Amino acid sequence: MMRSVEEYYHAREMAGAPKKYTHDVSLFDTTYIDEFGSKYCDFPGVEKWRYELLLSSFVNMLDNLETFRDEYKDSDSIRNSVEEWHLSAQQAQATAAPAATKKQSQ
């Protein structure tokens, strides 16, 4: 693990990024996130709309630091995806509730 960290720092240094900016998230490297997740965590890639939402939020924050939390300008794909995600979460919760109640009564 330490070797991996050292290789990471070395690669960043060679690219001209100082070590003090290791946790800088101003430049989102979505390729790295997906590759790391699939290689080390057996984690599926992040959906495109989530990256779009992240970038949209970041740009909105840069445009208007005072009120960026009050206003948002989401694209239709973000809006539809968030609604779909929310509905699937509600369905999963509704499905899990009767099973939990049944298990408690036993």
PDB file of N, CA and C in Angstrom:
ATOM      1  N   MET A   1       0.825  -1.185   0.000  1.00  0.00           N
ATOM      2  CA  MET A   1       0.000   0.000   0.000  1.00  0.00           C
ATOM      3  C   MET A   1       0.876   1.258   0.000  1.00  0.00           C
ATOM      4  N   MET A   2       1.921   1.240   0.814  1.00  0.00           N
ATOM      5  CA  MET A   2       2.815   2.393   0.861  1.00  0.00           C
ATOM      6  C   MET A   2       3.506   2.603  -0.483  1.00  0.00           C
ATOM      7  N   ARG A   3       3.846   1.496  -1.126  1.00  0.00           N
ATOM      8  CA  ARG A   3       4.482   1.613  -2.447  1.00  0.00           C
ATOM      9  C   ARG A   3       3.523   2.288  -3.429  1.00  0.00           C
ATOM     10  N   SER A   4       2.258   1.933  -3.347  1.00  0.00           N
ATOM     11  CA  SER A   4       1.256   2.536  -4.217  1.00  0.00           C
ATOM     12  C   SER A   4       1.154   4.041  -3.965  1.00  0.00           C
ATOM     13  N   VAL A   5       1.178   4.448  -2.703  1.00  0.00           N
ATOM     14  CA  VAL A   5       1.116   5.862  -2.348  1.00  0.00           C
ATOM     15  C   VAL A   5       2.349   6.593  -2.875  1.00  0.00           C
ATOM     16  N   GLU A   6       3.508   5.982  -2.695  1.00  0.00           N
ATOM     17  CA  GLU A   6       4.748   6.599  -3.182  1.00  0.00           C
ATOM     18  C   GLU A   6       4.725   6.741  -4.708  1.00  0.00           C
ATOM     19  N   GLU A   7       4.222   5.733  -5.402  1.00  0.00           N
ATOM     20  CA  GLU A   7       4.113   5.806  -6.859  1.00  0.00           C
ATOM     21  C   GLU A   7       3.152   6.921  -7.269  1.00  0.00           C
ATOM     22  N   TYR A   8       2.080   7.049  -6.535  1.00  0.00           N
ATOM     23  CA  TYR A   8       1.103   8.101  -6.817  1.00  0.00           C
ATOM     24  C   TYR A   8       1.735   9.481  -6.665  1.00  0.00           C
ATOM     25  N   TYR A   9       2.431   9.696  -5.537  1.00  0.00           N
ATOM     26  CA  TYR A   9       3.093  10.979  -5.312  1.00  0.00           C
ATOM     27  C   TYR A   9       4.150  11.246  -6.374  1.00  0.00           C
ATOM     28  N   HIS A  10       4.891  10.226  -6.727  1.00  0.00           N
ATOM     29  CA  HIS A  10       5.932  10.380  -7.745  1.00  0.00           C
ATOM     30  C   HIS A  10       5.307  10.766  -9.092  1.00  0.00           C
ATOM     31  N   ALA A  11       4.225  10.112  -9.465  1.00  0.00           N
ATOM     32  CA  ALA A  11       3.567  10.422 -10.732  1.00  0.00           C
ATOM     33  C   ALA A  11       3.042  11.856 -10.733  1.00  0.00           C
ATOM     34  N   ARG A  12       2.483  12.291  -9.614  1.00  0.00           N
ATOM     35  CA  ARG A  12       1.991  13.672  -9.521  1.00  0.00           C
ATOM     36  C   ARG A  12       3.135  14.666  -9.594  1.00  0.00           C
ATOM     37  N   GLU A  13       4.244  14.316  -8.939  1.00  0.00           N
ATOM     38  CA  GLU A  13       5.413  15.196  -8.975  1.00  0.00           C
ATOM     39  C   GLU A  13       5.948  15.319 -10.401  1.00  0.00           C
ATOM     40  N   MET A  14       5.996  14.201 -11.112  1.00  0.00           N
ATOM     41  CA  MET A  14       6.476  14.216 -12.494  1.00  0.00           C
ATOM     42  C   MET A  14       5.539  15.030 -13.397  1.00  0.00           C
ATOM     43  N   ALA A  15       4.251  15.052 -13.036  1.00  0.00           N
ATOM     44  CA  ALA A  15       3.277  15.816 -13.814  1.00  0.00           C
ATOM     45  C   ALA A  15       3.290  17.296 -13.442  1.00  0.00           C
ATOM     46  N   GLY A  16       4.077  17.644 -12.426  1.00  0.00           N
ATOM     47  CA  GLY A  16       4.184  19.043 -12.023  1.00  0.00           C
ATOM     48  C   GLY A  16       3.222  19.459 -10.937  1.00  0.00           C
ATOM     49  N   ALA A  17       2.545  18.490 -10.313  1.00  0.00           N
ATOM     50  CA  ALA A  17       1.601  18.801  -9.232  1.00  0.00           C
ATOM     51  C   ALA A  17       2.302  18.594  -7.891  1.00  0.00           C
ATOM     52  N   PRO A  18       2.485  19.653  -7.112  1.00  0.00           N
ATOM     53  CA  PRO A  18       3.147  19.512  -5.814  1.00  0.00           C
ATOM     54  C   PRO A  18       2.382  18.599  -4.863  1.00  0.00           C
ATOM     55  N   LYS A  19       3.106  17.972  -3.967  1.00  0.00           N
ATOM     56  CA  LYS A  19       2.520  17.034  -3.008  1.00  0.00           C
ATOM     57  C   LYS A  19       1.455  17.705  -2.140  1.00  0.00           C
ATOM     58  N   LYS A  20       1.616  18.992  -1.876  1.00  0.00           N
ATOM     59  CA  LYS A  20       0.650  19.690  -1.011  1.00  0.00           C
ATOM     60  C   LYS A  20      -0.742  19.775  -1.637  1.00  0.00           C
ATOM     61  N   TYR A  21      -0.850  19.511  -2.953  1.00  0.00           N
ATOM     62  CA  TYR A  21      -2.146  19.546  -3.623  1.00  0.00           C
ATOM     63  C   TYR A  21      -2.727  18.148  -3.830  1.00  0.00           C
ATOM     64  N   THR A  22      -2.301  17.197  -3.042  1.00  0.00           N
ATOM     65  CA  THR A  22      -2.758  15.820  -3.185  1.00  0.00           C
ATOM     66  C   THR A  22      -4.273  15.699  -3.120  1.00  0.00           C
ATOM     67  N   HIS A  23      -4.893  16.417  -2.218  1.00  0.00           N
ATOM     68  CA  HIS A  23      -6.337  16.297  -2.021  1.00  0.00           C
ATOM     69  C   HIS A  23      -7.125  17.408  -2.706  1.00  0.00           C
ATOM     70  N   ASP A  24      -6.532  18.042  -3.665  1.00  0.00           N
ATOM     71  CA  ASP A  24      -7.205  19.101  -4.410  1.00  0.00           C
ATOM     72  C   ASP A  24      -8.253  18.465  -5.311  1.00  0.00           C
ATOM     73  N   VAL A  25      -9.497  18.855  -5.124  1.00  0.00           N
ATOM     74  CA  VAL A  25     -10.575  18.285  -5.927  1.00  0.00           C
ATOM     75  C   VAL A  25     -11.092  19.264  -6.976  1.00  0.00           C
ATOM     76  N   SER A  26     -10.328  20.306  -7.231  1.00  0.00           N
ATOM     77  CA  SER A  26     -10.801  21.279  -8.205  1.00  0.00           C
ATOM     78  C   SER A  26     -10.757  20.741  -9.627  1.00  0.00           C
ATOM     79  N   LEU A  27      -9.917  19.765  -9.871  1.00  0.00           N
ATOM     80  CA  LEU A  27      -9.877  19.116 -11.180  1.00  0.00           C
ATOM     81  C   LEU A  27     -10.307  17.675 -10.998  1.00  0.00           C
ATOM     82  N   PHE A  28     -11.547  17.393 -11.290  1.00  0.00           N
ATOM     83  CA  PHE A  28     -12.088  16.059 -11.075  1.00  0.00           C
ATOM     84  C   PHE A  28     -11.601  15.116 -12.158  1.00  0.00           C
ATOM     85  N   ASP A  29     -10.860  14.112 -11.758  1.00  0.00           N
ATOM     86  CA  ASP A  29     -10.359  13.123 -12.701  1.00  0.00           C
ATOM     87  C   ASP A  29     -11.282  11.912 -12.625  1.00  0.00           C
ATOM     88  N   THR A  30     -12.343  11.935 -13.400  1.00  0.00           N
ATOM     89  CA  THR A  30     -13.348  10.885 -13.330  1.00  0.00           C
ATOM     90  C   THR A  30     -12.804   9.546 -13.816  1.00  0.00           C
ATOM     91  N   THR A  31     -11.860   9.566 -14.728  1.00  0.00           N
ATOM     92  CA  THR A  31     -11.258   8.317 -15.197  1.00  0.00           C
ATOM     93  C   THR A  31     -10.547   7.618 -14.055  1.00  0.00           C
ATOM     94  N   TYR A  32      -9.792   8.373 -13.273  1.00  0.00           N
ATOM     95  CA  TYR A  32      -9.075   7.800 -12.132  1.00  0.00           C
ATOM     96  C   TYR A  32     -10.047   7.210 -11.123  1.00  0.00           C
ATOM     97  N   ILE A  33     -11.122   7.921 -10.858  1.00  0.00           N
ATOM     98  CA  ILE A  33     -12.104   7.448  -9.881  1.00  0.00           C
ATOM     99  C   ILE A  33     -12.685   6.100 -10.320  1.00  0.00           C
ATOM    100  N   ASP A  34     -13.101   6.009 -11.571  1.00  0.00           N
ATOM    101  CA  ASP A  34     -13.694   4.768 -12.069  1.00  0.00           C
ATOM    102  C   ASP A  34     -12.674   3.631 -12.130  1.00  0.00           C
ATOM    103  N   GLU A  35     -11.465   3.933 -12.584  1.00  0.00           N
ATOM    104  CA  GLU A  35     -10.434   2.890 -12.667  1.00  0.00           C
ATOM    105  C   GLU A  35     -10.065   2.381 -11.280  1.00  0.00           C
ATOM    106  N   PHE A  36      -9.896   3.275 -10.331  1.00  0.00           N
ATOM    107  CA  PHE A  36      -9.549   2.881  -8.971  1.00  0.00           C
ATOM    108  C   PHE A  36     -10.649   2.016  -8.371  1.00  0.00           C
ATOM    109  N   GLY A  37     -11.889   2.449  -8.549  1.00  0.00           N
ATOM    110  CA  GLY A  37     -13.010   1.695  -7.993  1.00  0.00           C
ATOM    111  C   GLY A  37     -13.131   0.299  -8.567  1.00  0.00           C
ATOM    112  N   SER A  38     -12.938   0.161  -9.864  1.00  0.00           N
ATOM    113  CA  SER A  38     -13.072  -1.161 -10.478  1.00  0.00           C
ATOM    114  C   SER A  38     -11.860  -2.044 -10.186  1.00  0.00           C
ATOM    115  N   LYS A  39     -10.688  -1.453 -10.097  1.00  0.00           N
ATOM    116  CA  LYS A  39      -9.465  -2.235  -9.893  1.00  0.00           C
ATOM    117  C   LYS A  39      -9.305  -2.714  -8.452  1.00  0.00           C
ATOM    118  N   TYR A  40      -9.564  -1.841  -7.493  1.00  0.00           N
ATOM    119  CA  TYR A  40      -9.277  -2.161  -6.101  1.00  0.00           C
ATOM    120  C   TYR A  40     -10.506  -2.493  -5.258  1.00  0.00           C
ATOM    121  N   CYS A  41     -11.662  -2.076  -5.682  1.00  0.00           N
ATOM    122  CA  CYS A  41     -12.835  -2.226  -4.824  1.00  0.00           C
ATOM    123  C   CYS A  41     -13.944  -3.063  -5.451  1.00  0.00           C
ATOM    124  N   ASP A  42     -13.754  -3.512  -6.675  1.00  0.00           N
ATOM    125  CA  ASP A  42     -14.807  -4.217  -7.396  1.00  0.00           C
ATOM    126  C   ASP A  42     -16.087  -3.390  -7.374  1.00  0.00           C
ATOM    127  N   PHE A  43     -15.915  -2.099  -7.618  1.00  0.00           N
ATOM    128  CA  PHE A  43     -17.005  -1.129  -7.549  1.00  0.00           C
ATOM    129  C   PHE A  43     -17.373  -0.703  -8.959  1.00  0.00           C
ATOM    130  N   PRO A  44     -18.649  -0.655  -9.291  1.00  0.00           N
ATOM    131  CA  PRO A  44     -19.035  -0.253 -10.650  1.00  0.00           C
ATOM    132  C   PRO A  44     -18.708   1.217 -10.904  1.00  0.00           C
ATOM    133  N   GLY A  45     -18.585   1.582 -12.144  1.00  0.00           N
ATOM    134  CA  GLY A  45     -18.311   2.973 -12.500  1.00  0.00           C
ATOM    135  C   GLY A  45     -19.449   3.878 -12.077  1.00  0.00           C
ATOM    136  N   VAL A  46     -19.113   5.112 -11.822  1.00  0.00           N
ATOM    137  CA  VAL A  46     -20.111   6.089 -11.413  1.00  0.00           C
ATOM    138  C   VAL A  46     -20.893   6.536 -12.641  1.00  0.00           C
ATOM    139  N   GLU A  47     -22.192   6.663 -12.484  1.00  0.00           N
ATOM    140  CA  GLU A  47     -23.045   7.055 -13.596  1.00  0.00           C
ATOM    141  C   GLU A  47     -22.676   8.448 -14.087  1.00  0.00           C
ATOM    142  N   LYS A  48     -22.834   8.668 -15.375  1.00  0.00           N
ATOM    143  CA  LYS A  48     -22.463   9.939 -15.995  1.00  0.00           C
ATOM    144  C   LYS A  48     -23.215  11.112 -15.364  1.00  0.00           C
ATOM    145  N   TRP A  49     -24.471  10.915 -15.035  1.00  0.00           N
ATOM    146  CA  TRP A  49     -25.259  12.019 -14.486  1.00  0.00           C
ATOM    147  C   TRP A  49     -24.719  12.486 -13.143  1.00  0.00           C
ATOM    148  N   ARG A  50     -24.096  11.578 -12.379  1.00  0.00           N
ATOM    149  CA  ARG A  50     -23.531  11.987 -11.089  1.00  0.00           C
ATOM    150  C   ARG A  50     -22.331  12.914 -11.288  1.00  0.00           C
ATOM    151  N   TYR A  51     -21.503  12.604 -12.282  1.00  0.00           N
ATOM    152  CA  TYR A  51     -20.388  13.494 -12.601  1.00  0.00           C
ATOM    153  C   TYR A  51     -20.904  14.829 -13.109  1.00  0.00           C
ATOM    154  N   GLU A  52     -21.948  14.769 -13.913  1.00  0.00           N
ATOM    155  CA  GLU A  52     -22.538  15.999 -14.442  1.00  0.00           C
ATOM    156  C   GLU A  52     -23.093  16.853 -13.299  1.00  0.00           C
ATOM    157  N   LEU A  53     -23.716  16.211 -12.328  1.00  0.00           N
ATOM    158  CA  LEU A  53     -24.248  16.925 -11.171  1.00  0.00           C
ATOM    159  C   LEU A  53     -23.114  17.545 -10.355  1.00  0.00           C
ATOM    160  N   LEU A  54     -22.055  16.814 -10.137  1.00  0.00           N
ATOM    161  CA  LEU A  54     -20.905  17.313  -9.398  1.00  0.00           C
ATOM    162  C   LEU A  54     -20.303  18.532 -10.086  1.00  0.00           C
ATOM    163  N   LEU A  55     -20.090  18.418 -11.384  1.00  0.00           N
ATOM    164  CA  LEU A  55     -19.510  19.520 -12.136  1.00  0.00           C
ATOM    165  C   LEU A  55     -20.445  20.728 -12.154  1.00  0.00           C
ATOM    166  N   SER A  56     -21.718  20.484 -12.338  1.00  0.00           N
ATOM    167  CA  SER A  56     -22.701  21.556 -12.342  1.00  0.00           C
ATOM    168  C   SER A  56     -22.708  22.295 -11.007  1.00  0.00           C
ATOM    169  N   SER A  57     -22.656  21.562  -9.916  1.00  0.00           N
ATOM    170  CA  SER A  57     -22.641  22.170  -8.584  1.00  0.00           C
ATOM    171  C   SER A  57     -21.376  22.993  -8.373  1.00  0.00           C
ATOM    172  N   PHE A  58     -20.267  22.461  -8.827  1.00  0.00           N
ATOM    173  CA  PHE A  58     -18.992  23.152  -8.665  1.00  0.00           C
ATOM    174  C   PHE A  58     -18.972  24.450  -9.470  1.00  0.00           C
ATOM    175  N   VAL A  59     -19.427  24.385 -10.706  1.00  0.00           N
ATOM    176  CA  VAL A  59     -19.461  25.584 -11.552  1.00  0.00           C
ATOM    177  C   VAL A  59     -20.418  26.612 -10.961  1.00  0.00           C
ATOM    178  N   ASN A  60     -21.557  26.162 -10.481  1.00  0.00           N
ATOM    179  CA  ASN A  60     -22.522  27.059  -9.855  1.00  0.00           C
ATOM    180  C   ASN A  60     -21.914  27.738  -8.631  1.00  0.00           C
ATOM    181  N   MET A  61     -21.142  26.984  -7.857  1.00  0.00           N
ATOM    182  CA  MET A  61     -20.496  27.553  -6.684  1.00  0.00           C
ATOM    183  C   MET A  61     -19.482  28.627  -7.093  1.00  0.00           C
ATOM    184  N   LEU A  62     -18.706  28.356  -8.145  1.00  0.00           N
ATOM    185  CA  LEU A  62     -17.730  29.340  -8.602  1.00  0.00           C
ATOM    186  C   LEU A  62     -18.402  30.594  -9.151  1.00  0.00           C
ATOM    187  N   ASP A  63     -19.536  30.422  -9.809  1.00  0.00           N
ATOM    188  CA  ASP A  63     -20.250  31.561 -10.389  1.00  0.00           C
ATOM    189  C   ASP A  63     -20.862  32.472  -9.334  1.00  0.00           C
ATOM    190  N   ASN A  64     -21.358  31.874  -8.254  1.00  0.00           N
ATOM    191  CA  ASN A  64     -22.057  32.670  -7.257  1.00  0.00           C
ATOM    192  C   ASN A  64     -21.836  32.071  -5.874  1.00  0.00           C
ATOM    193  N   LEU A  65     -20.748  32.425  -5.267  1.00  0.00           N
ATOM    194  CA  LEU A  65     -20.359  31.846  -3.988  1.00  0.00           C
ATOM    195  C   LEU A  65     -21.342  32.165  -2.864  1.00  0.00           C
ATOM    196  N   GLU A  66     -21.997  33.278  -2.940  1.00  0.00           N
ATOM    197  CA  GLU A  66     -22.919  33.692  -1.876  1.00  0.00           C
ATOM    198  C   GLU A  66     -24.198  32.852  -1.820  1.00  0.00           C
ATOM    199  N   THR A  67     -24.799  32.567  -2.972  1.00  0.00           N
ATOM    200  CA  THR A  67     -26.118  31.924  -2.974  1.00  0.00           C
ATOM    201  C   THR A  67     -26.164  30.644  -3.798  1.00  0.00           C
ATOM    202  N   PHE A  68     -25.033  29.998  -4.026  1.00  0.00           N
ATOM    203  CA  PHE A  68     -25.044  28.820  -4.899  1.00  0.00           C
ATOM    204  C   PHE A  68     -25.901  27.684  -4.337  1.00  0.00           C
ATOM    205  N   ARG A  69     -26.127  27.650  -3.049  1.00  0.00           N
ATOM    206  CA  ARG A  69     -26.959  26.595  -2.464  1.00  0.00           C
ATOM    207  C   ARG A  69     -28.450  26.849  -2.684  1.00  0.00           C
ATOM    208  N   ASP A  70     -28.804  28.088  -2.966  1.00  0.00           N
ATOM    209  CA  ASP A  70     -30.207  28.454  -3.121  1.00  0.00           C
ATOM    210  C   ASP A  70     -30.722  28.248  -4.536  1.00  0.00           C
ATOM    211  N   GLU A  71     -29.826  28.263  -5.502  1.00  0.00           N
ATOM    212  CA  GLU A  71     -30.218  28.145  -6.904  1.00  0.00           C
ATOM    213  C   GLU A  71     -29.448  27.001  -7.550  1.00  0.00           C
ATOM    214  N   TYR A  72     -30.078  26.343  -8.468  1.00  0.00           N
ATOM    215  CA  TYR A  72     -29.382  25.325  -9.230  1.00  0.00           C
ATOM    216  C   TYR A  72     -29.951  25.282 -10.634  1.00  0.00           C
ATOM    217  N   LYS A  73     -29.088  24.949 -11.568  1.00  0.00           N
ATOM    218  CA  LYS A  73     -29.481  24.898 -12.971  1.00  0.00           C
ATOM    219  C   LYS A  73     -29.126  23.510 -13.503  1.00  0.00           C
ATOM    220  N   ASP A  74     -29.921  22.546 -13.157  1.00  0.00           N
ATOM    221  CA  ASP A  74     -29.649  21.177 -13.584  1.00  0.00           C
ATOM    222  C   ASP A  74     -30.170  20.936 -14.988  1.00  0.00           C
ATOM    223  N   SER A  75     -29.472  20.087 -15.695  1.00  0.00           N
ATOM    224  CA  SER A  75     -29.946  19.691 -17.018  1.00  0.00           C
ATOM    225  C   SER A  75     -31.084  18.684 -16.850  1.00  0.00           C
ATOM    226  N   ASP A  76     -31.774  18.402 -17.932  1.00  0.00           N
ATOM    227  CA  ASP A  76     -32.862  17.422 -17.880  1.00  0.00           C
ATOM    228  C   ASP A  76     -32.342  16.044 -17.503  1.00  0.00           C
ATOM    229  N   SER A  77     -31.152  15.689 -17.969  1.00  0.00           N
ATOM    230  CA  SER A  77     -30.621  14.359 -17.649  1.00  0.00           C
ATOM    231  C   SER A  77     -30.337  14.224 -16.159  1.00  0.00           C
ATOM    232  N   ILE A  78     -29.831  15.274 -15.535  1.00  0.00           N
ATOM    233  CA  ILE A  78     -29.604  15.227 -14.084  1.00  0.00           C
ATOM    234  C   ILE A  78     -30.930  15.124 -13.361  1.00  0.00           C
ATOM    235  N   ARG A  79     -31.867  15.958 -13.713  1.00  0.00           N
ATOM    236  CA  ARG A  79     -33.176  15.968 -13.049  1.00  0.00           C
ATOM    237  C   ARG A  79     -33.854  14.601 -13.165  1.00  0.00           C
ATOM    238  N   ASN A  80     -33.886  14.047 -14.357  1.00  0.00           N
ATOM    239  CA  ASN A  80     -34.521  12.737 -14.570  1.00  0.00           C
ATOM    240  C   ASN A  80     -33.796  11.636 -13.815  1.00  0.00           C
ATOM    241  N   SER A  81     -32.488  11.669 -13.810  1.00  0.00           N
ATOM    242  CA  SER A  81     -31.716  10.630 -13.124  1.00  0.00           C
ATOM    243  C   SER A  81     -31.895  10.698 -11.622  1.00  0.00           C
ATOM    244  N   VAL A  82     -31.912  11.897 -11.068  1.00  0.00           N
ATOM    245  CA  VAL A  82     -32.110  12.041  -9.626  1.00  0.00           C
ATOM    246  C   VAL A  82     -33.509  11.562  -9.243  1.00  0.00           C
ATOM    247  N   GLU A  83     -34.509  11.897 -10.046  1.00  0.00           N
ATOM    248  CA  GLU A  83     -35.871  11.429  -9.773  1.00  0.00           C
ATOM    249  C   GLU A  83     -35.942   9.910  -9.831  1.00  0.00           C
ATOM    250  N   GLU A  84     -35.299   9.327 -10.833  1.00  0.00           N
ATOM    251  CA  GLU A  84     -35.284   7.867 -10.977  1.00  0.00           C
ATOM    252  C   GLU A  84     -34.584   7.216  -9.787  1.00  0.00           C
ATOM    253  N   TRP A  85     -33.464   7.786  -9.381  1.00  0.00           N
ATOM    254  CA  TRP A  85     -32.719   7.264  -8.232  1.00  0.00           C
ATOM    255  C   TRP A  85     -33.562   7.358  -6.962  1.00  0.00           C
ATOM    256  N   HIS A  86     -34.237   8.491  -6.777  1.00  0.00           N
ATOM    257  CA  HIS A  86     -35.064   8.688  -5.591  1.00  0.00           C
ATOM    258  C   HIS A  86     -36.211   7.674  -5.552  1.00  0.00           C
ATOM    259  N   LEU A  87     -36.861   7.447  -6.688  1.00  0.00           N
ATOM    260  CA  LEU A  87     -37.957   6.474  -6.735  1.00  0.00           C
ATOM    261  C   LEU A  87     -37.466   5.063  -6.453  1.00  0.00           C
ATOM    262  N   SER A  88     -36.315   4.701  -6.990  1.00  0.00           N
ATOM    263  CA  SER A  88     -35.796   3.352  -6.742  1.00  0.00           C
ATOM    264  C   SER A  88     -35.421   3.178  -5.270  1.00  0.00           C
ATOM    265  N   ALA A  89     -34.926   4.239  -4.634  1.00  0.00           N
ATOM    266  CA  ALA A  89     -34.611   4.173  -3.203  1.00  0.00           C
ATOM    267  C   ALA A  89     -35.879   4.004  -2.381  1.00  0.00           C
ATOM    268  N   GLN A  90     -36.943   4.705  -2.760  1.00  0.00           N
ATOM    269  CA  GLN A  90     -38.219   4.565  -2.052  1.00  0.00           C
ATOM    270  C   GLN A  90     -38.778   3.155  -2.211  1.00  0.00           C
ATOM    271  N   GLN A  91     -38.671   2.600  -3.415  1.00  0.00           N
ATOM    272  CA  GLN A  91     -39.162   1.243  -3.664  1.00  0.00           C
ATOM    273  C   GLN A  91     -38.365   0.222  -2.853  1.00  0.00           C
ATOM    274  N   ALA A  92     -37.069   0.393  -2.778  1.00  0.00           N
ATOM    275  CA  ALA A  92     -36.229  -0.526  -2.005  1.00  0.00           C
ATOM    276  C   ALA A  92     -36.578  -0.446  -0.525  1.00  0.00           C
ATOM    277  N   GLN A  93     -36.828   0.758  -0.051  1.00  0.00           N
ATOM    278  CA  GLN A  93     -37.188   0.940   1.353  1.00  0.00           C
ATOM    279  C   GLN A  93     -38.553   0.312   1.643  1.00  0.00           C
ATOM    280  N   ALA A  94     -39.493   0.480   0.737  1.00  0.00           N
ATOM    281  CA  ALA A  94     -40.825  -0.097   0.924  1.00  0.00           C
ATOM    282  C   ALA A  94     -40.766  -1.624   0.903  1.00  0.00           C
ATOM    283  N   THR A  95     -39.907  -2.176   0.089  1.00  0.00           N
ATOM    284  CA  THR A  95     -39.752  -3.630   0.011  1.00  0.00           C
ATOM    285  C   THR A  95     -39.085  -4.172   1.268  1.00  0.00           C
ATOM    286  N   ALA A  96     -38.136  -3.429   1.812  1.00  0.00           N
ATOM    287  CA  ALA A  96     -37.398  -3.877   2.990  1.00  0.00           C
ATOM    288  C   ALA A  96     -38.228  -3.777   4.268  1.00  0.00           C
ATOM    289  N   ALA A  97     -39.143  -2.838   4.338  1.00  0.00           N
ATOM    290  CA  ALA A  97     -39.929  -2.620   5.560  1.00  0.00           C
ATOM    291  C   ALA A  97     -40.769  -3.835   5.956  1.00  0.00           C
ATOM    292  N   PRO A  98     -41.539  -4.467   5.041  1.00  0.00           N
ATOM    293  CA  PRO A  98     -42.327  -5.639   5.459  1.00  0.00           C
ATOM    294  C   PRO A  98     -41.440  -6.816   5.884  1.00  0.00           C
ATOM    295  N   ALA A  99     -40.313  -6.970   5.237  1.00  0.00           N
ATOM    296  CA  ALA A  99     -39.409  -8.070   5.600  1.00  0.00           C
ATOM    297  C   ALA A  99     -38.851  -7.859   7.006  1.00  0.00           C
ATOM    298  N   ALA A 100     -38.533  -6.625   7.357  1.00  0.00           N
ATOM    299  CA  ALA A 100     -38.020  -6.324   8.703  1.00  0.00           C
ATOM    300  C   ALA A 100     -39.087  -6.540   9.755  1.00  0.00           C
ATOM    301  N   THR A 101     -40.313  -6.155   9.451  1.00  0.00           N
ATOM    302  CA  THR A 101     -41.412  -6.346  10.387  1.00  0.00           C
ATOM    303  C   THR A 101     -41.685  -7.818  10.603  1.00  0.00           C
ATOM    304  N   LYS A 102     -41.660  -8.607   9.546  1.00  0.00           N
ATOM    305  CA  LYS A 102     -41.882 -10.047   9.622  1.00  0.00           C
ATOM    306  C   LYS A 102     -40.781 -10.711  10.452  1.00  0.00           C
ATOM    307  N   LYS A 103     -39.552 -10.279  10.270  1.00  0.00           N
ATOM    308  CA  LYS A 103     -38.418 -10.852  10.994  1.00  0.00           C
ATOM    309  C   LYS A 103     -38.518 -10.541  12.495  1.00  0.00           C
ATOM    310  N   GLN A 104     -38.978  -9.329  12.845  1.00  0.00           N
ATOM    311  CA  GLN A 104     -39.115  -8.931  14.255  1.00  0.00           C
ATOM    312  C   GLN A 104     -40.219  -9.734  14.950  1.00  0.00           C
ATOM    313  N   SER A 105     -41.268 -10.080  14.216  1.00  0.00           N
ATOM    314  CA  SER A 105     -42.399 -10.765  14.834  1.00  0.00           C
ATOM    315  C   SER A 105     -42.088 -12.239  15.097  1.00  0.00           C
ATOM    316  N   GLN A 106     -41.038 -12.749  14.493  1.00  0.00           N
ATOM    317  CA  GLN A 106     -40.717 -14.173  14.688  1.00  0.00           C
ATOM    318  C   GLN A 106     -40.022 -14.413  15.956  1.00  0.00           C
TER     319      GLN A 106
END
